C-alpha atoms as a PDB file:
ATOM      1  CA  MET A   1      19.100 161.960   8.179  1.00  0.00           C
ATOM      2  CA  LEU A   2      18.408 162.697  11.853  1.00  0.00           C
ATOM      3  CA  CYS A   3      19.439 159.243  13.052  1.00  0.00           C
ATOM      4  CA  LYS A   4      22.536 159.234  10.863  1.00  0.00           C
ATOM      5  CA  SER A   5      23.521 162.597  12.379  1.00  0.00           C
ATOM      6  CA  ILE A   6      23.300 161.078  15.866  1.00  0.00           C
ATOM      7  CA  ASP A   7      25.325 158.071  14.686  1.00  0.00           C
ATOM      8  CA  GLU A   8      28.007 160.495  13.512  1.00  0.00           C
ATOM      9  CA  LEU A   9      28.034 162.136  16.943  1.00  0.00           C
ATOM     10  CA  PHE A  10      28.583 158.757  18.586  1.00  0.00           C
ATOM     11  CA  GLN A  11      31.451 158.090  16.181  1.00  0.00           C
ATOM     12  CA  GLN A  12      33.144 161.221  17.528  1.00  0.00           C
ATOM     13  CA  GLY A  13      32.921 159.781  21.046  1.00  0.00           C
ATOM     14  CA  SER A  14      30.279 159.705  23.769  1.00  0.00           C
ATOM     15  CA  ASP A  15      31.350 163.175  24.942  1.00  0.00           C
ATOM     16  CA  ALA A  16      30.008 164.560  21.653  1.00  0.00           C
ATOM     17  CA  VAL A  17      26.504 163.396  22.542  1.00  0.00           C
ATOM     18  CA  ASP A  18      25.438 166.079  24.985  1.00  0.00           C
ATOM     19  CA  ASN A  19      22.548 168.465  25.530  1.00  0.00           C
ATOM     20  CA  SER A  20      24.044 171.217  23.380  1.00  0.00           C
ATOM     21  CA  ALA A  21      24.397 168.762  20.481  1.00  0.00           C
ATOM     22  CA  LEU A  22      20.739 167.787  20.853  1.00  0.00           C
ATOM     23  CA  LYS A  23      19.700 171.434  20.925  1.00  0.00           C
ATOM     24  CA  GLY A  24      21.609 171.873  17.677  1.00  0.00           C
ATOM     25  CA  LEU A  25      19.617 169.006  16.140  1.00  0.00           C
ATOM     26  CA  VAL A  26      16.380 170.579  17.410  1.00  0.00           C
ATOM     27  CA  GLN A  27      17.210 173.800  15.564  1.00  0.00           C
ATOM     28  CA  LYS A  28      18.395 171.932  12.477  1.00  0.00           C
ATOM     29  CA  THR A  29      15.472 169.494  12.142  1.00  0.00           C
ATOM     30  CA  GLY A  30      12.563 171.231  13.855  1.00  0.00           C
ATOM     31  CA  PHE A  31      11.914 168.148  15.984  1.00  0.00           C
ATOM     32  CA  SER A  32      11.581 168.405  19.748  1.00  0.00           C
ATOM     33  CA  VAL A  33      14.034 166.610  22.050  1.00  0.00           C
ATOM     34  CA  GLU A  34      11.292 164.074  22.824  1.00  0.00           C
ATOM     35  CA  GLU A  35      10.755 163.383  19.118  1.00  0.00           C
ATOM     36  CA  ILE A  36      14.494 163.048  18.498  1.00  0.00           C
ATOM     37  CA  LEU A  37      14.893 160.536  21.313  1.00  0.00           C
ATOM     38  CA  ARG A  38      11.827 158.562  20.220  1.00  0.00           C
ATOM     39  CA  LYS A  39      12.956 158.410  16.594  1.00  0.00           C
ATOM     40  CA  TYR A  40      16.485 157.332  17.478  1.00  0.00           C
ATOM     41  CA  ILE A  41      15.314 154.651  19.922  1.00  0.00           C
ATOM     42  CA  ARG A  42      12.905 153.233  17.312  1.00  0.00           C
ATOM     43  CA  TYR A  43      15.650 153.349  14.667  1.00  0.00           C
ATOM     44  CA  SER A  44      18.038 151.554  17.030  1.00  0.00           C
ATOM     45  CA  LEU A  45      15.504 148.856  17.884  1.00  0.00           C
ATOM     46  CA  ASN A  46      14.850 148.130  14.219  1.00  0.00           C
ATOM     47  CA  GLU A  47      18.233 148.646  12.579  1.00  0.00           C
ATOM     48  CA  LYS A  48      20.994 147.982  15.110  1.00  0.00           C
ATOM     49  CA  PRO A  49      22.263 144.802  16.802  1.00  0.00           C
ATOM     50  CA  TRP A  50      21.025 144.553  20.387  1.00  0.00           C
ATOM     51  CA  SER A  51      24.249 144.854  22.347  1.00  0.00           C
ATOM     52  CA  ALA A  52      25.868 146.371  25.423  1.00  0.00           C
ATOM     53  CA  ASP A  53      27.356 149.132  23.234  1.00  0.00           C
ATOM     54  CA  LEU A  54      23.947 150.051  21.840  1.00  0.00           C
ATOM     55  CA  ILE A  55      22.333 150.147  25.283  1.00  0.00           C
ATOM     56  CA  SER A  56      25.184 152.260  26.640  1.00  0.00           C
ATOM     57  CA  GLY A  57      24.694 154.704  23.752  1.00  0.00           C
ATOM     58  CA  LEU A  58      20.962 154.951  24.402  1.00  0.00           C
ATOM     59  CA  ILE A  59      21.651 155.645  28.080  1.00  0.00           C
ATOM     60  CA  GLN A  60      24.060 158.411  27.061  1.00  0.00           C
ATOM     61  CA  LEU A  61      21.481 159.916  24.689  1.00  0.00           C
ATOM     62  CA  ARG A  62      18.798 159.704  27.365  1.00  0.00           C
ATOM     63  CA  LYS A  63      21.025 161.570  29.828  1.00  0.00           C
ATOM     64  CA  ALA A  64      21.891 164.193  27.205  1.00  0.00           C
ATOM     65  CA  SER A  65      18.178 164.806  26.600  1.00  0.00           C
ATOM     66  CA  MET A  66      17.731 165.968  30.219  1.00  0.00           C
ATOM     67  CA  LEU A  67      14.120 164.741  30.078  1.00  0.00           C
ATOM     68  CA  ASP A  68      12.422 163.677  33.290  1.00  0.00           C
ATOM     69  CA  ASP A  69      11.220 160.140  34.014  1.00  0.00           C
ATOM     70  CA  SER A  70       7.593 160.866  33.112  1.00  0.00           C
ATOM     71  CA  GLN A  71       8.687 162.084  29.659  1.00  0.00           C
ATOM     72  CA  ILE A  72      10.879 159.015  29.120  1.00  0.00           C
ATOM     73  CA  ALA A  73       7.999 156.769  30.206  1.00  0.00           C
ATOM     74  CA  GLU A  74       5.683 158.411  27.692  1.00  0.00           C
ATOM     75  CA  ILE A  75       8.285 158.025  24.913  1.00  0.00           C
ATOM     76  CA  LEU A  76       8.500 154.275  25.601  1.00  0.00           C
ATOM     77  CA  ASN A  77       4.696 154.046  25.773  1.00  0.00           C
ATOM     78  CA  ASP A  78       4.448 155.876  22.455  1.00  0.00           C
ATOM     79  CA  ILE A  79       7.011 153.578  20.808  1.00  0.00           C
ATOM     80  CA  SER A  80       4.982 150.587  22.031  1.00  0.00           C
ATOM     81  CA  ARG A  81       1.772 152.014  20.559  1.00  0.00           C
ATOM     82  CA  ARG A  82       3.487 152.713  17.234  1.00  0.00           C
ATOM     83  CA  ILE A  83       4.841 149.163  17.040  1.00  0.00           C
ATOM     84  CA  LEU A  84       1.334 147.764  17.552  1.00  0.00           C
ATOM     85  CA  PHE A  85      -0.201 150.257  15.100  1.00  0.00           C
ATOM     86  CA  ARG A  86       2.231 149.066  12.426  1.00  0.00           C
ATOM     87  CA  LYS A  87       1.145 145.482  13.035  1.00  0.00           C
ATOM     88  CA  ILE A  88      -2.521 146.520  12.776  1.00  0.00           C
ATOM     89  CA  VAL A  89      -1.789 148.106   9.388  1.00  0.00           C
ATOM     90  CA  PHE A  90      -0.233 144.826   8.253  1.00  0.00           C
ATOM     91  CA  LYS A  91      -3.317 142.949   9.415  1.00  0.00           C
ATOM     92  CA  ILE A  92      -5.587 145.322   7.449  1.00  0.00           C
ATOM     93  CA  ALA A  93      -3.422 144.689   4.384  1.00  0.00           C
ATOM     94  CA  ASP A  94      -3.857 140.945   4.945  1.00  0.00           C
ATOM     95  CA  MET A  95      -7.628 141.430   5.143  1.00  0.00           C
ATOM     96  CA  VAL A  96      -7.629 143.241   1.800  1.00  0.00           C
ATOM     97  CA  PHE A  97      -5.485 140.462   0.328  1.00  0.00           C
ATOM     98  CA  LEU A  98      -7.846 137.840   1.764  1.00  0.00           C
ATOM     99  CA  VAL A  99     -10.922 139.500   0.219  1.00  0.00           C
ATOM    100  CA  ALA A 100      -9.119 139.768  -3.132  1.00  0.00           C
ATOM    101  CA  MET A 101      -8.229 136.057  -3.087  1.00  0.00           C
ATOM    102  CA  LYS A 102     -11.791 135.054  -2.224  1.00  0.00           C
ATOM    103  CA  SER A 103     -13.237 137.191  -4.991  1.00  0.00           C
ATOM    104  CA  SER A 104     -10.848 135.658  -7.524  1.00  0.00           C
ATOM    105  CA  ASN A 105     -11.518 132.102  -6.314  1.00  0.00           C
ATOM    106  CA  THR A 106      -7.847 131.612  -5.385  1.00  0.00           C
ATOM    107  CA  TYR A 107      -8.417 131.585  -1.630  1.00  0.00           C
ATOM    108  CA  THR A 108      -6.809 128.732   0.307  1.00  0.00           C
ATOM    109  CA  PRO A 109      -8.361 128.372   3.804  1.00  0.00           C
ATOM    110  CA  GLY A 110      -5.931 128.966   6.646  1.00  0.00           C
ATOM    111  CA  ILE A 111      -3.164 130.691   4.677  1.00  0.00           C
ATOM    112  CA  VAL A 112      -4.119 134.228   5.683  1.00  0.00           C
ATOM    113  CA  GLY A 113      -7.359 133.953   7.617  1.00  0.00           C
ATOM    114  CA  GLY A 114      -5.857 131.429  10.012  1.00  0.00           C
ATOM    115  CA  ASP A 115      -3.025 133.777  10.953  1.00  0.00           C
ATOM    116  CA  MET A 116      -5.475 136.635  11.476  1.00  0.00           C
ATOM    117  CA  ASN A 117      -7.678 134.534  13.771  1.00  0.00           C
ATOM    118  CA  LEU A 118      -4.624 133.532  15.794  1.00  0.00           C
ATOM    119  CA  PHE A 119      -3.453 137.172  16.012  1.00  0.00           C
ATOM    120  CA  TYR A 120      -6.902 138.139  17.292  1.00  0.00           C
ATOM    121  CA  HIS A 121      -7.234 135.373  19.871  1.00  0.00           C
ATOM    122  CA  LYS A 122      -3.616 135.196  21.081  1.00  0.00           C
ATOM    123  CA  GLY A 123      -2.732 138.902  20.945  1.00  0.00           C
ATOM    124  CA  PRO A 124       0.267 140.697  19.382  1.00  0.00           C
ATOM    125  CA  VAL A 125       2.837 139.074  21.701  1.00  0.00           C
ATOM    126  CA  VAL A 126       2.482 135.367  22.395  1.00  0.00           C
ATOM    127  CA  MET A 127       4.857 132.568  23.345  1.00  0.00           C
ATOM    128  CA  ASP A 128       2.775 129.773  21.769  1.00  0.00           C
ATOM    129  CA  MET A 129       3.612 129.917  18.061  1.00  0.00           C
ATOM    130  CA  SER A 130       1.663 126.812  17.043  1.00  0.00           C
ATOM    131  CA  GLY A 131      -0.756 127.191  14.152  1.00  0.00           C
ATOM    132  CA  PHE A 132       0.883 130.164  12.436  1.00  0.00           C
ATOM    133  CA  THR A 133       2.023 130.179   8.824  1.00  0.00           C
ATOM    134  CA  GLU A 134       5.680 130.992   8.176  1.00  0.00           C
ATOM    135  CA  LYS A 135       4.764 134.634   7.492  1.00  0.00           C
ATOM    136  CA  GLY A 136       2.710 134.920  10.679  1.00  0.00           C
ATOM    137  CA  PHE A 137       5.413 133.158  12.680  1.00  0.00           C
ATOM    138  CA  LYS A 138       8.076 135.646  11.526  1.00  0.00           C
ATOM    139  CA  ARG A 139       5.789 138.569  12.271  1.00  0.00           C
ATOM    140  CA  LYS A 140       5.161 137.288  15.785  1.00  0.00           C
ATOM    141  CA  LEU A 141       8.883 136.839  16.395  1.00  0.00           C
ATOM    142  CA  ALA A 142       9.489 140.427  15.269  1.00  0.00           C
ATOM    143  CA  VAL A 143       6.869 141.768  17.703  1.00  0.00           C
ATOM    144  CA  GLN A 144       8.284 139.628  20.517  1.00  0.00           C
ATOM    145  CA  GLY A 145      11.783 140.942  19.869  1.00  0.00           C
ATOM    146  CA  LEU A 146      10.675 144.582  19.828  1.00  0.00           C
ATOM    147  CA  PHE A 147       8.595 144.151  22.970  1.00  0.00           C
ATOM    148  CA  GLY A 148      11.517 142.531  24.796  1.00  0.00           C
ATOM    149  CA  LYS A 149      13.816 145.426  23.931  1.00  0.00           C
ATOM    150  CA  VAL A 150      11.323 148.126  24.931  1.00  0.00           C
ATOM    151  CA  LEU A 151      10.619 146.252  28.171  1.00  0.00           C
ATOM    152  CA  TYR A 152      14.366 145.998  28.836  1.00  0.00           C
ATOM    153  CA  LEU A 153      14.823 149.768  28.468  1.00  0.00           C
ATOM    154  CA  SER A 154      11.739 150.466  30.586  1.00  0.00           C
ATOM    155  CA  GLU A 155      13.200 148.402  33.442  1.00  0.00           C
ATOM    156  CA  LEU A 156      16.763 149.715  33.183  1.00  0.00           C
ATOM    157  CA  PRO A 157      17.208 152.124  36.138  1.00  0.00           C
ATOM    158  CA  GLU A 158      19.798 154.198  34.266  1.00  0.00           C
ATOM    159  CA  PHE A 159      17.303 154.733  31.451  1.00  0.00           C
ATOM    160  CA  CYS A 160      13.901 154.963  33.107  1.00  0.00           C
ATOM    161  CA  SER A 161      12.594 154.695  36.644  1.00  0.00           C
ATOM    162  CA  ARG A 162       9.486 152.631  37.415  1.00  0.00           C
ATOM    163  CA  HIS A 163       7.250 155.612  36.737  1.00  0.00           C
ATOM    164  CA  SER A 164       3.531 155.176  37.336  1.00  0.00           C
ATOM    165  CA  SER A 165       2.727 156.247  33.769  1.00  0.00           C
ATOM    166  CA  LEU A 166       4.878 153.473  32.262  1.00  0.00           C
ATOM    167  CA  ILE A 167       2.478 150.920  30.742  1.00  0.00           C
ATOM    168  CA  VAL A 168       4.552 148.988  28.178  1.00  0.00           C
ATOM    169  CA  LYS A 169       3.292 145.544  29.258  1.00  0.00           C
ATOM    170  CA  GLU A 170      -0.304 146.759  29.324  1.00  0.00           C
ATOM    171  CA  ILE A 171      -0.050 148.235  25.811  1.00  0.00           C
ATOM    172  CA  PHE A 172       1.300 144.963  24.424  1.00  0.00           C
ATOM    173  CA  GLY A 173      -1.149 142.920  26.484  1.00  0.00           C
ATOM    174  CA  VAL A 174       1.604 140.705  27.883  1.00  0.00           C
ATOM    175  CA  THR A 175       1.237 138.523  30.967  1.00  0.00           C
ATOM    176  CA  ASP A 176       3.841 138.663  33.728  1.00  0.00           C
ATOM    177  CA  GLU A 177       4.851 135.070  32.937  1.00  0.00           C
ATOM    178  CA  ASP A 178       5.481 135.771  29.239  1.00  0.00           C
ATOM    179  CA  ALA A 179       7.261 139.014  30.124  1.00  0.00           C
ATOM    180  CA  ASP A 180       9.641 137.040  32.373  1.00  0.00           C
ATOM    181  CA  LYS A 181      10.511 134.662  29.520  1.00  0.00           C
ATOM    182  CA  LEU A 182      11.094 137.454  27.019  1.00  0.00           C
ATOM    183  CA  ARG A 183      13.028 139.463  29.595  1.00  0.00           C
ATOM    184  CA  LEU A 184      15.566 136.664  30.057  1.00  0.00           C
ATOM    185  CA  HIS A 185      15.948 136.170  26.298  1.00  0.00           C
ATOM    186  CA  THR A 186      16.472 139.884  25.677  1.00  0.00           C
ATOM    187  CA  PHE A 187      18.961 140.083  28.537  1.00  0.00           C
ATOM    188  CA  SER A 188      21.063 137.304  27.030  1.00  0.00           C
ATOM    189  CA  GLU A 189      20.946 138.959  23.579  1.00  0.00           C
ATOM    190  CA  ALA A 190      22.528 142.094  25.030  1.00  0.00           C
ATOM    191  CA  GLY A 191      25.782 140.153  25.289  1.00  0.00           C
ATOM    192  CA  ASP A 192      28.488 141.210  27.734  1.00  0.00           C
ATOM    193  CA  MET A 193      26.408 142.907  30.418  1.00  0.00           C
ATOM    194  CA  ASP A 194      29.460 143.242  32.661  1.00  0.00           C
ATOM    195  CA  SER A 195      30.867 145.623  30.070  1.00  0.00           C
ATOM    196  CA  LEU A 196      27.609 147.565  30.073  1.00  0.00           C
ATOM    197  CA  GLU A 197      27.674 147.906  33.852  1.00  0.00           C
ATOM    198  CA  LYS A 198      31.242 149.212  33.684  1.00  0.00           C
ATOM    199  CA  MET A 199      30.220 151.720  31.003  1.00  0.00           C
ATOM    200  CA  VAL A 200      27.282 152.898  33.102  1.00  0.00           C
ATOM    201  CA  ASP A 201      29.358 153.071  36.288  1.00  0.00           C
ATOM    202  CA  GLY A 202      32.037 155.056  34.469  1.00  0.00           C
ATOM    203  CA  SER A 203      29.441 157.431  33.108  1.00  0.00           C
ATOM    204  CA  ASN A 204      27.946 157.901  36.570  1.00  0.00           C
ATOM    205  CA  SER A 205      31.398 158.714  37.952  1.00  0.00           C
ATOM    206  CA  GLU A 206      31.906 161.352  35.270  1.00  0.00           C
ATOM    207  CA  ASP A 207      28.496 162.849  36.014  1.00  0.00           C
ATOM    208  CA  SER A 208      29.325 163.030  39.723  1.00  0.00           C
ATOM    209  CA  HIS A 209      32.607 164.766  38.941  1.00  0.00           C
ATOM    210  CA  GLU A 210      30.855 167.284  36.694  1.00  0.00           C
ATOM    211  CA  ASP A 211      28.185 167.941  39.327  1.00  0.00           C
ATOM    212  CA  SER A 212      30.918 168.644  41.904  1.00  0.00           C
ATOM    213  CA  ALA A 213      32.670 171.004  39.518  1.00  0.00           C
ATOM    214  CA  ASP A 214      29.411 172.855  38.783  1.00  0.00           C
ATOM    215  CA  ALA A 215      28.781 173.287  42.493  1.00  0.00           C
ATOM    216  CA  VAL A 216      32.088 175.108  43.030  1.00  0.00           C
END
């Protein structure tokens, strides 16, 4: 309901997504601005195509929130932790399934246990996909994709500065080398980045004009 309400605001035009609109959602839903931004970012990462339009919308929403860089950094850190927590829950479910198969004598070595050993030894984000079952492979790809998108936002100056409290790579346990590979892939998935830069530049020009008007 909350995310759909924000989608409807975007459909009215980017001007409709402002701080007063967010305050209205705070009163309507009982969520804080931080919670609203976190929920919409997570919804966007999971449900929407990764594109220049989406990124531009998230930048607009971030500006409308009027949160400082430390708050944005903590939102991205929190999203990262929640992504990993969800994967841990899946692994616990696999463990229960594994025990059930063993107790019923239907266990096939390597089908579930092998994936879990690989998850443990290689970590939640890994570039080497050898040895995984199809299910484990798809799960790893999903985590890689989400990490790449969160990393992209964390390194986008218009969205978040390099704040000292930003620890996305550390939370995911990703090496600098793997982060570089995923960064390039995520960048290419965003599509027409020239269009994004024009959107951002146009938005910055409007902000500068508004700041000048407020100063009068």
